[in-house]
């Protein structure tokens, strides 16, 4: 069986693995952004909780009104 080598398979002179560079850059960016993402979640939590309580309360009131 005859095989041919290409530069991607051999990793010859001047070859740079850009996928590895992109993966490292993505990980660094996520590491830097993580505290701000966590802060956004912590700041939004009370509003989400109040919205959920209001939503469930409205559903209960509508259920009671429809049953009457």
C-alpha atoms as a PDB file:
ATOM      1  CA  UNK A   1       0.000   0.000   0.000  1.00  0.00           C
ATOM      2  CA  UNK A   2       1.365   3.370  -0.979  1.00  0.00           C
ATOM      3  CA  UNK A   3       0.908   6.331   1.303  1.00  0.00           C
ATOM      4  CA  UNK A   4       1.687   9.955   0.721  1.00  0.00           C
ATOM      5  CA  UNK A   5       2.648  12.370   3.425  1.00  0.00           C
ATOM      6  CA  UNK A   6       1.364  15.871   3.603  1.00  0.00           C
ATOM      7  CA  UNK A   7       2.592  18.731   5.713  1.00  0.00           C
ATOM      8  CA  UNK A   8      -0.298  18.409   8.179  1.00  0.00           C
ATOM      9  CA  UNK A   9       0.495  14.759   8.817  1.00  0.00           C
ATOM     10  CA  UNK A  10       4.258  15.183   9.043  1.00  0.00           C
ATOM     11  CA  UNK A  11       4.336  18.475  10.906  1.00  0.00           C
ATOM     12  CA  UNK A  12       7.243  19.695   8.856  1.00  0.00           C
ATOM     13  CA  UNK A  13       9.258  22.844   8.931  1.00  0.00           C
ATOM     14  CA  UNK A  14       7.212  26.001   9.419  1.00  0.00           C
ATOM     15  CA  UNK A  15       4.068  24.106  10.430  1.00  0.00           C
ATOM     16  CA  UNK A  16       2.063  25.628  13.265  1.00  0.00           C
ATOM     17  CA  UNK A  17      -0.818  23.842  14.931  1.00  0.00           C
ATOM     18  CA  UNK A  18      -3.317  26.699  14.983  1.00  0.00           C
ATOM     19  CA  UNK A  19      -6.020  24.576  16.577  1.00  0.00           C
ATOM     20  CA  UNK A  20      -3.851  24.119  19.676  1.00  0.00           C
ATOM     21  CA  UNK A  21      -3.114  27.850  19.786  1.00  0.00           C
ATOM     22  CA  UNK A  22      -6.822  28.640  19.463  1.00  0.00           C
ATOM     23  CA  UNK A  23      -7.672  26.162  22.219  1.00  0.00           C
ATOM     24  CA  UNK A  24      -5.166  27.744  24.601  1.00  0.00           C
ATOM     25  CA  UNK A  25      -6.396  31.250  23.746  1.00  0.00           C
ATOM     26  CA  UNK A  26      -9.994  30.171  24.380  1.00  0.00           C
ATOM     27  CA  UNK A  27      -9.066  28.669  27.751  1.00  0.00           C
ATOM     28  CA  UNK A  28      -7.187  31.812  28.791  1.00  0.00           C
ATOM     29  CA  UNK A  29     -10.129  34.008  27.754  1.00  0.00           C
ATOM     30  CA  UNK A  30     -12.602  31.856  29.695  1.00  0.00           C
ATOM     31  CA  UNK A  31     -10.313  31.883  32.741  1.00  0.00           C
ATOM     32  CA  UNK A  32     -10.156  35.692  32.616  1.00  0.00           C
ATOM     33  CA  UNK A  33     -13.919  36.063  32.096  1.00  0.00           C
ATOM     34  CA  UNK A  34     -15.002  33.563  34.758  1.00  0.00           C
ATOM     35  CA  UNK A  35     -15.105  36.014  37.720  1.00  0.00           C
ATOM     36  CA  UNK A  36     -17.269  38.448  35.757  1.00  0.00           C
ATOM     37  CA  UNK A  37     -19.626  35.694  34.624  1.00  0.00           C
ATOM     38  CA  UNK A  38     -19.948  34.521  38.228  1.00  0.00           C
ATOM     39  CA  UNK A  39     -20.616  38.063  39.395  1.00  0.00           C
ATOM     40  CA  UNK A  40     -23.345  38.449  36.777  1.00  0.00           C
ATOM     41  CA  UNK A  41     -24.998  35.233  37.974  1.00  0.00           C
ATOM     42  CA  UNK A  42     -24.807  36.345  41.608  1.00  0.00           C
ATOM     43  CA  UNK A  43     -26.236  39.781  40.790  1.00  0.00           C
ATOM     44  CA  UNK A  44     -29.086  38.339  38.703  1.00  0.00           C
ATOM     45  CA  UNK A  45     -30.092  35.619  41.167  1.00  0.00           C
ATOM     46  CA  UNK A  46     -32.359  37.750  43.425  1.00  0.00           C
ATOM     47  CA  UNK A  47     -34.283  39.087  40.423  1.00  0.00           C
ATOM     48  CA  UNK A  48     -34.686  35.638  38.921  1.00  0.00           C
ATOM     49  CA  UNK A  49     -35.879  34.273  42.269  1.00  0.00           C
ATOM     50  CA  UNK A  50     -38.419  37.065  42.724  1.00  0.00           C
ATOM     51  CA  UNK A  51     -39.655  36.562  39.176  1.00  0.00           C
ATOM     52  CA  UNK A  52     -40.057  32.836  39.800  1.00  0.00           C
ATOM     53  CA  UNK A  53     -41.988  33.452  43.021  1.00  0.00           C
ATOM     54  CA  UNK A  54     -44.251  35.973  41.261  1.00  0.00           C
ATOM     55  CA  UNK A  55     -44.802  33.578  38.342  1.00  0.00           C
ATOM     56  CA  UNK A  56     -45.735  30.687  40.619  1.00  0.00           C
ATOM     57  CA  UNK A  57     -48.016  32.964  42.667  1.00  0.00           C
ATOM     58  CA  UNK A  58     -49.794  34.196  39.561  1.00  0.00           C
ATOM     59  CA  UNK A  59     -50.297  30.625  38.354  1.00  0.00           C
ATOM     60  CA  UNK A  60     -51.758  29.643  41.734  1.00  0.00           C
ATOM     61  CA  UNK A  61     -54.116  32.626  41.741  1.00  0.00           C
ATOM     62  CA  UNK A  62     -55.296  31.885  38.190  1.00  0.00           C
ATOM     63  CA  UNK A  63     -55.831  28.242  39.074  1.00  0.00           C
ATOM     64  CA  UNK A  64     -57.926  29.215  42.076  1.00  0.00           C
ATOM     65  CA  UNK A  65     -59.919  31.791  40.081  1.00  0.00           C
ATOM     66  CA  UNK A  66     -60.655  29.317  37.288  1.00  0.00           C
ATOM     67  CA  UNK A  67     -61.756  26.651  39.768  1.00  0.00           C
ATOM     68  CA  UNK A  68     -64.257  29.008  41.428  1.00  0.00           C
END
